[in-house]
Protein backbone atom coordinates (compact mmCIF):
# COMPACT_ATOMS: atom_id res chain seq x y z
CA UNK A 1 0.00 0.00 0.00
CA UNK A 2 2.87 2.40 0.79
CA UNK A 3 6.06 2.75 -1.21
CA UNK A 4 9.56 3.00 0.22
CA UNK A 5 9.10 6.75 0.75
CA UNK A 6 5.94 6.30 2.80
CA UNK A 7 3.77 7.74 0.03
CA UNK A 8 0.63 5.85 -0.88
CA UNK A 9 1.19 3.97 -4.14
CA UNK A 10 -2.35 4.79 -5.33
CA UNK A 11 -1.79 8.51 -4.60
CA UNK A 12 1.46 8.44 -6.56
CA UNK A 13 -0.21 6.63 -9.48
CA UNK A 14 -3.08 9.10 -9.45
CA UNK A 15 -0.67 12.03 -9.54
CA UNK A 16 1.55 10.45 -12.21
CA UNK A 17 -1.51 9.87 -14.42
CA UNK A 18 -2.52 13.53 -14.08
CA UNK A 19 1.01 14.72 -14.78
CA UNK A 20 1.35 12.56 -17.90
CA UNK A 21 -2.06 13.56 -19.18
CA UNK A 22 -1.74 17.34 -18.72
CA UNK A 23 1.99 18.18 -18.71
CA UNK A 24 2.15 19.11 -22.41
CA UNK A 25 -1.02 21.22 -22.26
CA UNK A 26 0.22 23.00 -19.14
CA UNK A 27 3.57 23.70 -20.76
CA UNK A 28 1.96 25.12 -23.93
CA UNK A 29 -0.32 27.31 -21.85
CA UNK A 30 2.58 28.45 -19.65
CA UNK A 31 4.65 29.36 -22.73
CA UNK A 32 1.68 31.27 -24.09
CA UNK A 33 1.26 33.10 -20.77
CA UNK A 34 4.86 34.10 -20.17
CA UNK A 35 6.52 33.76 -23.58
CA UNK A 36 9.61 32.12 -22.11
CA UNK A 37 10.28 28.37 -22.29
CA UNK A 38 12.52 28.32 -19.22
CA UNK A 39 10.05 30.22 -17.09
CA UNK A 40 7.25 28.03 -18.48
CA UNK A 41 9.17 24.95 -17.35
CA UNK A 42 9.53 26.45 -13.88
CA UNK A 43 5.83 27.34 -13.77
CA UNK A 44 4.80 23.82 -14.72
CA UNK A 45 7.15 22.30 -12.14
CA UNK A 46 5.83 24.61 -9.44
CA UNK A 47 2.28 23.82 -10.54
CA UNK A 48 2.93 20.10 -10.11
CA UNK A 49 4.59 20.65 -6.73
CA UNK A 50 1.55 22.57 -5.50
CA UNK A 51 -0.78 20.03 -7.10
CA UNK A 52 1.02 17.17 -5.33
CA UNK A 53 0.64 18.92 -1.99
CA UNK A 54 -3.06 19.59 -2.61
CA UNK A 55 -3.92 16.38 -4.47
CA UNK A 56 -6.34 15.24 -1.78
CA UNK A 57 -8.39 18.40 -2.33
CA UNK A 58 -9.13 17.31 -5.92
CA UNK A 59 -12.43 15.51 -5.50
CA UNK A 60 -13.49 15.27 -9.15
CA UNK A 61 -10.92 13.90 -11.60
CA UNK A 62 -12.94 15.46 -14.44
CA UNK A 63 -12.08 18.87 -13.01
CA UNK A 64 -8.34 18.13 -12.93
CA UNK A 65 -7.46 20.16 -16.03
CA UNK A 66 -9.12 23.35 -14.84
CA UNK A 67 -7.74 22.74 -11.32
CA UNK A 68 -4.19 22.53 -12.72
CA UNK A 69 -4.70 25.56 -14.98
CA UNK A 70 -5.90 27.54 -11.95
CA UNK A 71 -2.78 26.56 -10.03
CA UNK A 72 -0.62 27.51 -13.03
CA UNK A 73 -2.31 30.91 -13.43
CA UNK A 74 -1.85 31.66 -9.73
CA UNK A 75 1.77 30.60 -9.88
CA UNK A 76 2.28 32.87 -12.88
CA UNK A 77 0.73 35.76 -10.90
CA UNK A 78 3.13 35.01 -8.05
CA UNK A 79 5.98 35.35 -10.54
CA UNK A 80 5.08 39.01 -10.99
CA UNK A 81 5.24 39.48 -7.23
CA UNK A 82 8.81 38.21 -7.31
CA UNK A 83 10.02 39.52 -10.66
CA UNK A 84 8.67 40.61 -14.01
CA UNK A 85 9.61 38.20 -16.79
CA UNK A 86 11.00 39.75 -19.97
CA UNK A 87 8.57 40.16 -22.84
CA UNK A 88 9.17 37.81 -25.72
CA UNK A 89 7.94 37.99 -29.29
CA UNK A 90 4.91 35.70 -29.62
CA UNK A 91 6.41 34.35 -32.86
CA UNK A 92 9.01 32.56 -30.74
CA UNK A 93 6.37 30.58 -28.88
CA UNK A 94 6.40 26.93 -29.86
CA UNK A 95 3.39 24.81 -30.52
CA UNK A 96 1.56 27.35 -32.65
CA UNK A 97 3.48 26.96 -35.91
CA UNK A 98 3.12 24.33 -38.58
CA UNK A 99 6.49 23.30 -39.99
CA UNK A 100 5.12 22.49 -43.45
CA UNK A 101 3.14 25.71 -43.88
CA UNK A 102 3.39 27.72 -47.06
CA UNK A 103 4.76 31.27 -46.84
CA UNK A 104 1.22 32.64 -47.29
CA UNK A 105 -0.10 30.46 -44.49
CA UNK A 106 2.77 31.57 -42.21
CA UNK A 107 2.03 35.22 -43.00
CA UNK A 108 -1.66 34.74 -42.28
CA UNK A 109 -0.84 32.95 -39.00
CA UNK A 110 1.53 35.77 -38.01
CA UNK A 111 -1.11 38.38 -38.79
CA UNK A 112 -3.70 36.44 -36.81
CA UNK A 113 -1.32 36.10 -33.85
CA UNK A 114 -0.63 39.83 -33.98
CA UNK A 115 -4.35 40.62 -33.86
CA UNK A 116 -4.90 38.08 -31.10
CA UNK A 117 -2.17 39.59 -28.94
CA UNK A 118 -3.75 43.05 -29.36
CA UNK A 119 -6.90 41.90 -27.58
CA UNK A 120 -7.25 42.95 -23.98
CA UNK A 121 -6.09 40.12 -21.69
CA UNK A 122 -9.60 39.74 -20.23
CA UNK A 123 -10.80 38.73 -23.72
CA UNK A 124 -7.66 37.02 -25.02
CA UNK A 125 -7.14 34.66 -22.09
CA UNK A 126 -10.53 32.89 -22.11
CA UNK A 127 -10.41 32.60 -25.91
CA UNK A 128 -6.96 31.00 -25.71
CA UNK A 129 -8.11 28.65 -22.95
CA UNK A 130 -10.96 27.55 -25.17
CA UNK A 131 -9.08 27.40 -28.49
CA UNK A 132 -5.67 26.11 -27.37
CA UNK A 133 -6.46 24.24 -24.18
CA UNK A 134 -9.83 22.91 -25.33
CA UNK A 135 -11.42 23.96 -22.06
CA UNK A 136 -15.17 24.23 -21.71
CA UNK A 137 -16.88 27.48 -20.73
CA UNK A 138 -17.54 26.02 -17.29
CA UNK A 139 -13.88 25.04 -16.81
CA UNK A 140 -12.74 28.51 -17.90
CA UNK A 141 -15.26 30.11 -15.54
CA UNK A 142 -13.94 28.05 -12.62
CA UNK A 143 -10.34 28.81 -13.54
CA UNK A 144 -10.88 32.54 -13.93
CA UNK A 145 -13.36 32.72 -11.06
CA UNK A 146 -16.09 34.15 -13.29
CA UNK A 147 -19.64 33.14 -14.13
CA UNK A 148 -20.30 31.03 -17.20
CA UNK A 149 -22.15 33.91 -18.82
CA UNK A 150 -19.22 36.29 -18.21
CA UNK A 151 -16.88 33.83 -19.92
CA UNK A 152 -19.27 33.33 -22.84
CA UNK A 153 -19.52 37.09 -23.24
CA UNK A 154 -15.74 37.52 -23.19
CA UNK A 155 -15.15 34.73 -25.69
CA UNK A 156 -17.89 36.12 -27.95
CA UNK A 157 -16.44 39.64 -27.77
CA UNK A 158 -12.93 38.35 -28.43
CA UNK A 159 -14.12 36.53 -31.53
CA UNK A 160 -16.09 39.56 -32.72
CA UNK A 161 -13.10 41.86 -32.23
CA UNK A 162 -10.92 39.45 -34.19
CA UNK A 163 -13.46 39.28 -37.00
CA UNK A 164 -13.67 43.09 -37.13
CA UNK A 165 -9.90 43.47 -37.13
CA UNK A 166 -9.46 40.79 -39.78
CA UNK A 167 -11.80 42.70 -42.12
CA UNK A 168 -9.68 45.88 -41.88
C-alpha atoms as a PDB file:
ATOM      1  CA  UNK A   1       0.000   0.000   0.000  1.00  0.00           C
ATOM      2  CA  UNK A   2       2.866   2.400   0.793  1.00  0.00           C
ATOM      3  CA  UNK A   3       6.064   2.755  -1.209  1.00  0.00           C
ATOM      4  CA  UNK A   4       9.560   2.996   0.217  1.00  0.00           C
ATOM      5  CA  UNK A   5       9.097   6.751   0.746  1.00  0.00           C
ATOM      6  CA  UNK A   6       5.942   6.298   2.805  1.00  0.00           C
ATOM      7  CA  UNK A   7       3.767   7.737   0.033  1.00  0.00           C
ATOM      8  CA  UNK A   8       0.626   5.850  -0.879  1.00  0.00           C
ATOM      9  CA  UNK A   9       1.188   3.967  -4.141  1.00  0.00           C
ATOM     10  CA  UNK A  10      -2.345   4.795  -5.334  1.00  0.00           C
ATOM     11  CA  UNK A  11      -1.792   8.511  -4.597  1.00  0.00           C
ATOM     12  CA  UNK A  12       1.460   8.443  -6.564  1.00  0.00           C
ATOM     13  CA  UNK A  13      -0.206   6.630  -9.481  1.00  0.00           C
ATOM     14  CA  UNK A  14      -3.082   9.100  -9.451  1.00  0.00           C
ATOM     15  CA  UNK A  15      -0.674  12.028  -9.540  1.00  0.00           C
ATOM     16  CA  UNK A  16       1.546  10.448 -12.213  1.00  0.00           C
ATOM     17  CA  UNK A  17      -1.507   9.869 -14.418  1.00  0.00           C
ATOM     18  CA  UNK A  18      -2.524  13.530 -14.082  1.00  0.00           C
ATOM     19  CA  UNK A  19       1.015  14.721 -14.784  1.00  0.00           C
ATOM     20  CA  UNK A  20       1.351  12.564 -17.900  1.00  0.00           C
ATOM     21  CA  UNK A  21      -2.065  13.563 -19.176  1.00  0.00           C
ATOM     22  CA  UNK A  22      -1.741  17.337 -18.715  1.00  0.00           C
ATOM     23  CA  UNK A  23       1.988  18.182 -18.707  1.00  0.00           C
ATOM     24  CA  UNK A  24       2.150  19.106 -22.407  1.00  0.00           C
ATOM     25  CA  UNK A  25      -1.022  21.215 -22.258  1.00  0.00           C
ATOM     26  CA  UNK A  26       0.216  23.001 -19.141  1.00  0.00           C
ATOM     27  CA  UNK A  27       3.569  23.703 -20.763  1.00  0.00           C
ATOM     28  CA  UNK A  28       1.959  25.116 -23.928  1.00  0.00           C
ATOM     29  CA  UNK A  29      -0.319  27.306 -21.850  1.00  0.00           C
ATOM     30  CA  UNK A  30       2.579  28.450 -19.655  1.00  0.00           C
ATOM     31  CA  UNK A  31       4.648  29.363 -22.728  1.00  0.00           C
ATOM     32  CA  UNK A  32       1.685  31.273 -24.090  1.00  0.00           C
ATOM     33  CA  UNK A  33       1.259  33.099 -20.766  1.00  0.00           C
ATOM     34  CA  UNK A  34       4.862  34.102 -20.170  1.00  0.00           C
ATOM     35  CA  UNK A  35       6.525  33.765 -23.576  1.00  0.00           C
ATOM     36  CA  UNK A  36       9.614  32.120 -22.111  1.00  0.00           C
ATOM     37  CA  UNK A  37      10.283  28.371 -22.291  1.00  0.00           C
ATOM     38  CA  UNK A  38      12.524  28.319 -19.224  1.00  0.00           C
ATOM     39  CA  UNK A  39      10.048  30.223 -17.086  1.00  0.00           C
ATOM     40  CA  UNK A  40       7.252  28.035 -18.480  1.00  0.00           C
ATOM     41  CA  UNK A  41       9.170  24.946 -17.346  1.00  0.00           C
ATOM     42  CA  UNK A  42       9.527  26.448 -13.878  1.00  0.00           C
ATOM     43  CA  UNK A  43       5.833  27.340 -13.775  1.00  0.00           C
ATOM     44  CA  UNK A  44       4.796  23.816 -14.724  1.00  0.00           C
ATOM     45  CA  UNK A  45       7.151  22.299 -12.138  1.00  0.00           C
ATOM     46  CA  UNK A  46       5.825  24.612  -9.436  1.00  0.00           C
ATOM     47  CA  UNK A  47       2.277  23.815 -10.539  1.00  0.00           C
ATOM     48  CA  UNK A  48       2.933  20.104 -10.110  1.00  0.00           C
ATOM     49  CA  UNK A  49       4.590  20.650  -6.725  1.00  0.00           C
ATOM     50  CA  UNK A  50       1.551  22.569  -5.503  1.00  0.00           C
ATOM     51  CA  UNK A  51      -0.782  20.026  -7.104  1.00  0.00           C
ATOM     52  CA  UNK A  52       1.016  17.169  -5.327  1.00  0.00           C
ATOM     53  CA  UNK A  53       0.635  18.916  -1.994  1.00  0.00           C
ATOM     54  CA  UNK A  54      -3.057  19.591  -2.609  1.00  0.00           C
ATOM     55  CA  UNK A  55      -3.916  16.384  -4.467  1.00  0.00           C
ATOM     56  CA  UNK A  56      -6.338  15.239  -1.782  1.00  0.00           C
ATOM     57  CA  UNK A  57      -8.394  18.403  -2.331  1.00  0.00           C
ATOM     58  CA  UNK A  58      -9.132  17.312  -5.923  1.00  0.00           C
ATOM     59  CA  UNK A  59     -12.426  15.505  -5.496  1.00  0.00           C
ATOM     60  CA  UNK A  60     -13.493  15.268  -9.151  1.00  0.00           C
ATOM     61  CA  UNK A  61     -10.923  13.897 -11.596  1.00  0.00           C
ATOM     62  CA  UNK A  62     -12.945  15.456 -14.441  1.00  0.00           C
ATOM     63  CA  UNK A  63     -12.080  18.875 -13.012  1.00  0.00           C
ATOM     64  CA  UNK A  64      -8.336  18.134 -12.929  1.00  0.00           C
ATOM     65  CA  UNK A  65      -7.465  20.156 -16.034  1.00  0.00           C
ATOM     66  CA  UNK A  66      -9.121  23.354 -14.838  1.00  0.00           C
ATOM     67  CA  UNK A  67      -7.738  22.742 -11.322  1.00  0.00           C
ATOM     68  CA  UNK A  68      -4.188  22.526 -12.724  1.00  0.00           C
ATOM     69  CA  UNK A  69      -4.703  25.565 -14.978  1.00  0.00           C
ATOM     70  CA  UNK A  70      -5.904  27.538 -11.954  1.00  0.00           C
ATOM     71  CA  UNK A  71      -2.777  26.555 -10.031  1.00  0.00           C
ATOM     72  CA  UNK A  72      -0.616  27.512 -13.031  1.00  0.00           C
ATOM     73  CA  UNK A  73      -2.311  30.910 -13.427  1.00  0.00           C
ATOM     74  CA  UNK A  74      -1.852  31.664  -9.733  1.00  0.00           C
ATOM     75  CA  UNK A  75       1.766  30.604  -9.879  1.00  0.00           C
ATOM     76  CA  UNK A  76       2.277  32.875 -12.878  1.00  0.00           C
ATOM     77  CA  UNK A  77       0.726  35.757 -10.905  1.00  0.00           C
ATOM     78  CA  UNK A  78       3.133  35.012  -8.048  1.00  0.00           C
ATOM     79  CA  UNK A  79       5.978  35.355 -10.544  1.00  0.00           C
ATOM     80  CA  UNK A  80       5.080  39.012 -10.987  1.00  0.00           C
ATOM     81  CA  UNK A  81       5.241  39.484  -7.234  1.00  0.00           C
ATOM     82  CA  UNK A  82       8.811  38.215  -7.305  1.00  0.00           C
ATOM     83  CA  UNK A  83      10.021  39.524 -10.659  1.00  0.00           C
ATOM     84  CA  UNK A  84       8.675  40.613 -14.005  1.00  0.00           C
ATOM     85  CA  UNK A  85       9.608  38.203 -16.792  1.00  0.00           C
ATOM     86  CA  UNK A  86      11.000  39.749 -19.968  1.00  0.00           C
ATOM     87  CA  UNK A  87       8.571  40.161 -22.835  1.00  0.00           C
ATOM     88  CA  UNK A  88       9.167  37.809 -25.722  1.00  0.00           C
ATOM     89  CA  UNK A  89       7.945  37.987 -29.289  1.00  0.00           C
ATOM     90  CA  UNK A  90       4.912  35.697 -29.620  1.00  0.00           C
ATOM     91  CA  UNK A  91       6.407  34.349 -32.863  1.00  0.00           C
ATOM     92  CA  UNK A  92       9.013  32.555 -30.743  1.00  0.00           C
ATOM     93  CA  UNK A  93       6.369  30.579 -28.879  1.00  0.00           C
ATOM     94  CA  UNK A  94       6.403  26.933 -29.856  1.00  0.00           C
ATOM     95  CA  UNK A  95       3.394  24.813 -30.522  1.00  0.00           C
ATOM     96  CA  UNK A  96       1.565  27.345 -32.655  1.00  0.00           C
ATOM     97  CA  UNK A  97       3.483  26.957 -35.906  1.00  0.00           C
ATOM     98  CA  UNK A  98       3.123  24.332 -38.577  1.00  0.00           C
ATOM     99  CA  UNK A  99       6.490  23.303 -39.994  1.00  0.00           C
ATOM    100  CA  UNK A 100       5.123  22.492 -43.448  1.00  0.00           C
ATOM    101  CA  UNK A 101       3.136  25.712 -43.878  1.00  0.00           C
ATOM    102  CA  UNK A 102       3.386  27.716 -47.055  1.00  0.00           C
ATOM    103  CA  UNK A 103       4.758  31.273 -46.841  1.00  0.00           C
ATOM    104  CA  UNK A 104       1.217  32.637 -47.291  1.00  0.00           C
ATOM    105  CA  UNK A 105      -0.099  30.457 -44.485  1.00  0.00           C
ATOM    106  CA  UNK A 106       2.767  31.572 -42.210  1.00  0.00           C
ATOM    107  CA  UNK A 107       2.026  35.215 -43.002  1.00  0.00           C
ATOM    108  CA  UNK A 108      -1.661  34.740 -42.277  1.00  0.00           C
ATOM    109  CA  UNK A 109      -0.844  32.949 -39.005  1.00  0.00           C
ATOM    110  CA  UNK A 110       1.532  35.770 -38.006  1.00  0.00           C
ATOM    111  CA  UNK A 111      -1.110  38.383 -38.788  1.00  0.00           C
ATOM    112  CA  UNK A 112      -3.696  36.442 -36.813  1.00  0.00           C
ATOM    113  CA  UNK A 113      -1.319  36.096 -33.851  1.00  0.00           C
ATOM    114  CA  UNK A 114      -0.627  39.830 -33.982  1.00  0.00           C
ATOM    115  CA  UNK A 115      -4.345  40.624 -33.863  1.00  0.00           C
ATOM    116  CA  UNK A 116      -4.898  38.083 -31.098  1.00  0.00           C
ATOM    117  CA  UNK A 117      -2.170  39.589 -28.939  1.00  0.00           C
ATOM    118  CA  UNK A 118      -3.750  43.051 -29.359  1.00  0.00           C
ATOM    119  CA  UNK A 119      -6.902  41.896 -27.584  1.00  0.00           C
ATOM    120  CA  UNK A 120      -7.253  42.948 -23.977  1.00  0.00           C
ATOM    121  CA  UNK A 121      -6.094  40.121 -21.687  1.00  0.00           C
ATOM    122  CA  UNK A 122      -9.597  39.740 -20.230  1.00  0.00           C
ATOM    123  CA  UNK A 123     -10.805  38.730 -23.723  1.00  0.00           C
ATOM    124  CA  UNK A 124      -7.660  37.024 -25.017  1.00  0.00           C
ATOM    125  CA  UNK A 125      -7.139  34.657 -22.093  1.00  0.00           C
ATOM    126  CA  UNK A 126     -10.532  32.891 -22.108  1.00  0.00           C
ATOM    127  CA  UNK A 127     -10.408  32.605 -25.910  1.00  0.00           C
ATOM    128  CA  UNK A 128      -6.959  31.003 -25.710  1.00  0.00           C
ATOM    129  CA  UNK A 129      -8.112  28.651 -22.952  1.00  0.00           C
ATOM    130  CA  UNK A 130     -10.962  27.552 -25.168  1.00  0.00           C
ATOM    131  CA  UNK A 131      -9.075  27.405 -28.485  1.00  0.00           C
ATOM    132  CA  UNK A 132      -5.667  26.113 -27.374  1.00  0.00           C
ATOM    133  CA  UNK A 133      -6.460  24.240 -24.182  1.00  0.00           C
ATOM    134  CA  UNK A 134      -9.827  22.911 -25.328  1.00  0.00           C
ATOM    135  CA  UNK A 135     -11.416  23.957 -22.058  1.00  0.00           C
ATOM    136  CA  UNK A 136     -15.175  24.235 -21.708  1.00  0.00           C
ATOM    137  CA  UNK A 137     -16.879  27.484 -20.731  1.00  0.00           C
ATOM    138  CA  UNK A 138     -17.541  26.024 -17.292  1.00  0.00           C
ATOM    139  CA  UNK A 139     -13.883  25.042 -16.814  1.00  0.00           C
ATOM    140  CA  UNK A 140     -12.744  28.509 -17.900  1.00  0.00           C
ATOM    141  CA  UNK A 141     -15.262  30.108 -15.537  1.00  0.00           C
ATOM    142  CA  UNK A 142     -13.937  28.050 -12.624  1.00  0.00           C
ATOM    143  CA  UNK A 143     -10.338  28.807 -13.541  1.00  0.00           C
ATOM    144  CA  UNK A 144     -10.881  32.536 -13.931  1.00  0.00           C
ATOM    145  CA  UNK A 145     -13.363  32.717 -11.057  1.00  0.00           C
ATOM    146  CA  UNK A 146     -16.093  34.149 -13.285  1.00  0.00           C
ATOM    147  CA  UNK A 147     -19.641  33.143 -14.128  1.00  0.00           C
ATOM    148  CA  UNK A 148     -20.304  31.028 -17.199  1.00  0.00           C
ATOM    149  CA  UNK A 149     -22.151  33.911 -18.816  1.00  0.00           C
ATOM    150  CA  UNK A 150     -19.223  36.287 -18.214  1.00  0.00           C
ATOM    151  CA  UNK A 151     -16.877  33.826 -19.921  1.00  0.00           C
ATOM    152  CA  UNK A 152     -19.270  33.332 -22.842  1.00  0.00           C
ATOM    153  CA  UNK A 153     -19.517  37.094 -23.236  1.00  0.00           C
ATOM    154  CA  UNK A 154     -15.743  37.525 -23.189  1.00  0.00           C
ATOM    155  CA  UNK A 155     -15.153  34.725 -25.686  1.00  0.00           C
ATOM    156  CA  UNK A 156     -17.888  36.117 -27.953  1.00  0.00           C
ATOM    157  CA  UNK A 157     -16.438  39.640 -27.768  1.00  0.00           C
ATOM    158  CA  UNK A 158     -12.929  38.350 -28.426  1.00  0.00           C
ATOM    159  CA  UNK A 159     -14.122  36.526 -31.527  1.00  0.00           C
ATOM    160  CA  UNK A 160     -16.091  39.557 -32.722  1.00  0.00           C
ATOM    161  CA  UNK A 161     -13.104  41.860 -32.227  1.00  0.00           C
ATOM    162  CA  UNK A 162     -10.919  39.452 -34.186  1.00  0.00           C
ATOM    163  CA  UNK A 163     -13.460  39.280 -37.003  1.00  0.00           C
ATOM    164  CA  UNK A 164     -13.671  43.088 -37.130  1.00  0.00           C
ATOM    165  CA  UNK A 165      -9.899  43.471 -37.127  1.00  0.00           C
ATOM    166  CA  UNK A 166      -9.465  40.795 -39.776  1.00  0.00           C
ATOM    167  CA  UNK A 167     -11.800  42.698 -42.124  1.00  0.00           C
ATOM    168  CA  UNK A 168      -9.685  45.879 -41.883  1.00  0.00           C
END
